[in-house]
Each structure stands twice: as C-alpha cells, then as structure tokens.
Amino acid sequence: MLSCILKKVEGSNTVLKEIKEETVTSHSVFIMQVETQMGQISSHLNQRQQGGKGSRRRGFLEKLWQTPKMMLKWVLASCHDVN
C-alpha cells in the first residue's frame, strides 16, 4: 500500500516539474519579447529626437518610457493585440 502511495507521489512530482519547466520557458519567452519591444521603443524615441520635430506621439512614448507600470501595461496590451 505504501509503495502505491509513493508511486502516485512520484508521478505527481514529475507532473509538477514539467509544469514548472513550461512556466519558466513561457516566462522567459515573454521577458525576451518585452525586452525586444522596449528596445524598439527606445530606438524609435532616439530616431524621433534626432529628427528635431516634436510630436504628441513622441511625448506620449517618452512619458510611457519613464513610467514602468505604464510601459508594462502598454506592452501587455500590444502582446494581446498580436495574439
């Protein structure tokens, strides 16, 4: 009887390890996507600043860039739009 319980526990442990690996992979991919988007926004801001023309969009992006919570919210929204 104890061996049966041990087998079930070991099986559950294997499933939990697989779920953990999938979650870590998923989060890693998401973080890389966020980093890529932040780099694109930074590049966009730098290009706009070099052009010398002001715009409402540049002001919005600069404000967004300076506020991490707004930035994350914007990135999450854009990820949902893509998917």
Protein backbone atom coordinates (compact mmCIF):
# COMPACT_ATOMS: atom_id res chain seq x y z
CA MET A 1 0.00 0.00 0.00
CA LEU A 2 2.80 2.44 0.85
CA SER A 3 4.52 1.65 -2.44
CA CYS A 4 1.31 2.56 -4.29
CA ILE A 5 1.15 5.91 -2.48
CA LEU A 6 4.85 6.52 -3.19
CA LYS A 7 4.34 5.86 -6.92
CA LYS A 8 1.45 8.34 -7.02
CA VAL A 9 3.52 10.98 -5.21
CA GLU A 10 6.45 10.44 -7.58
CA GLY A 11 4.09 10.70 -10.56
CA SER A 12 2.66 13.94 -9.20
CA ASN A 13 6.18 15.24 -8.64
CA THR A 14 7.06 14.53 -12.27
CA VAL A 15 3.97 16.38 -13.50
CA LEU A 16 4.75 19.37 -11.28
CA LYS A 17 8.33 19.51 -12.58
CA GLU A 18 7.04 19.52 -16.18
CA ILE A 19 4.58 22.32 -15.38
CA LYS A 20 7.38 24.31 -13.71
CA GLU A 21 9.64 23.91 -16.76
CA GLU A 22 6.85 25.01 -19.11
CA THR A 23 6.09 28.03 -16.92
CA VAL A 24 9.75 29.08 -16.77
CA THR A 25 10.05 28.73 -20.54
CA SER A 26 6.87 30.72 -21.10
CA HIS A 27 8.04 33.50 -18.79
CA SER A 28 11.47 33.57 -20.42
CA VAL A 29 9.92 33.99 -23.86
CA PHE A 30 7.64 36.75 -22.57
CA ILE A 31 10.56 38.61 -20.97
CA MET A 32 12.54 38.42 -24.22
CA GLN A 33 9.53 39.83 -26.11
CA VAL A 34 9.22 42.69 -23.61
CA GLU A 35 12.94 43.44 -23.91
CA THR A 36 12.66 43.48 -27.70
CA GLN A 37 9.69 45.84 -27.63
CA MET A 38 11.40 48.14 -25.14
CA GLY A 39 14.44 48.25 -27.42
CA GLN A 40 12.23 49.10 -30.38
CA ILE A 41 10.56 51.90 -28.45
CA SER A 42 13.92 53.23 -27.30
CA SER A 43 15.21 53.17 -30.86
CA HIS A 44 12.06 54.92 -32.06
CA LEU A 45 12.43 57.63 -29.42
CA ASN A 46 16.09 58.18 -30.31
CA GLN A 47 15.25 58.50 -34.01
CA ARG A 48 12.47 60.98 -33.29
CA GLN A 49 14.70 63.08 -31.05
CA GLN A 50 17.40 63.25 -33.70
CA GLY A 51 14.85 64.45 -36.26
CA GLY A 52 14.22 67.57 -34.21
CA LYS A 53 10.46 67.63 -34.77
CA GLY A 54 8.26 67.41 -31.71
CA SER A 55 5.11 65.38 -31.74
CA ARG A 56 2.38 64.34 -29.39
CA ARG A 57 3.26 60.71 -30.05
CA ARG A 58 6.90 61.25 -29.05
CA GLY A 59 5.78 62.96 -25.87
CA PHE A 60 3.46 60.06 -25.11
CA LEU A 61 6.19 57.49 -25.74
CA GLU A 62 8.69 59.42 -23.63
CA LYS A 63 6.23 59.60 -20.76
CA LEU A 64 5.41 55.93 -21.21
CA TRP A 65 9.10 55.03 -21.21
CA GLN A 66 9.63 56.88 -17.93
CA THR A 67 6.77 55.12 -16.17
CA PRO A 68 7.50 51.39 -15.82
CA LYS A 69 3.95 50.42 -14.86
CA MET A 70 2.51 52.23 -17.88
CA MET A 71 5.19 50.66 -20.07
CA LEU A 72 4.38 47.15 -18.89
CA LYS A 73 0.65 47.78 -19.33
CA TRP A 74 1.24 49.02 -22.88
CA VAL A 75 3.47 46.04 -23.73
CA LEU A 76 0.94 43.59 -22.32
CA ALA A 77 -1.84 45.21 -24.33
CA SER A 78 0.22 45.05 -27.51
CA CYS A 79 1.02 41.38 -26.86
CA HIS A 80 -2.69 40.62 -26.59
CA ASP A 81 -3.32 42.50 -29.84
CA VAL A 82 -0.73 40.35 -31.64
CA ASN A 83 -2.06 37.06 -30.27
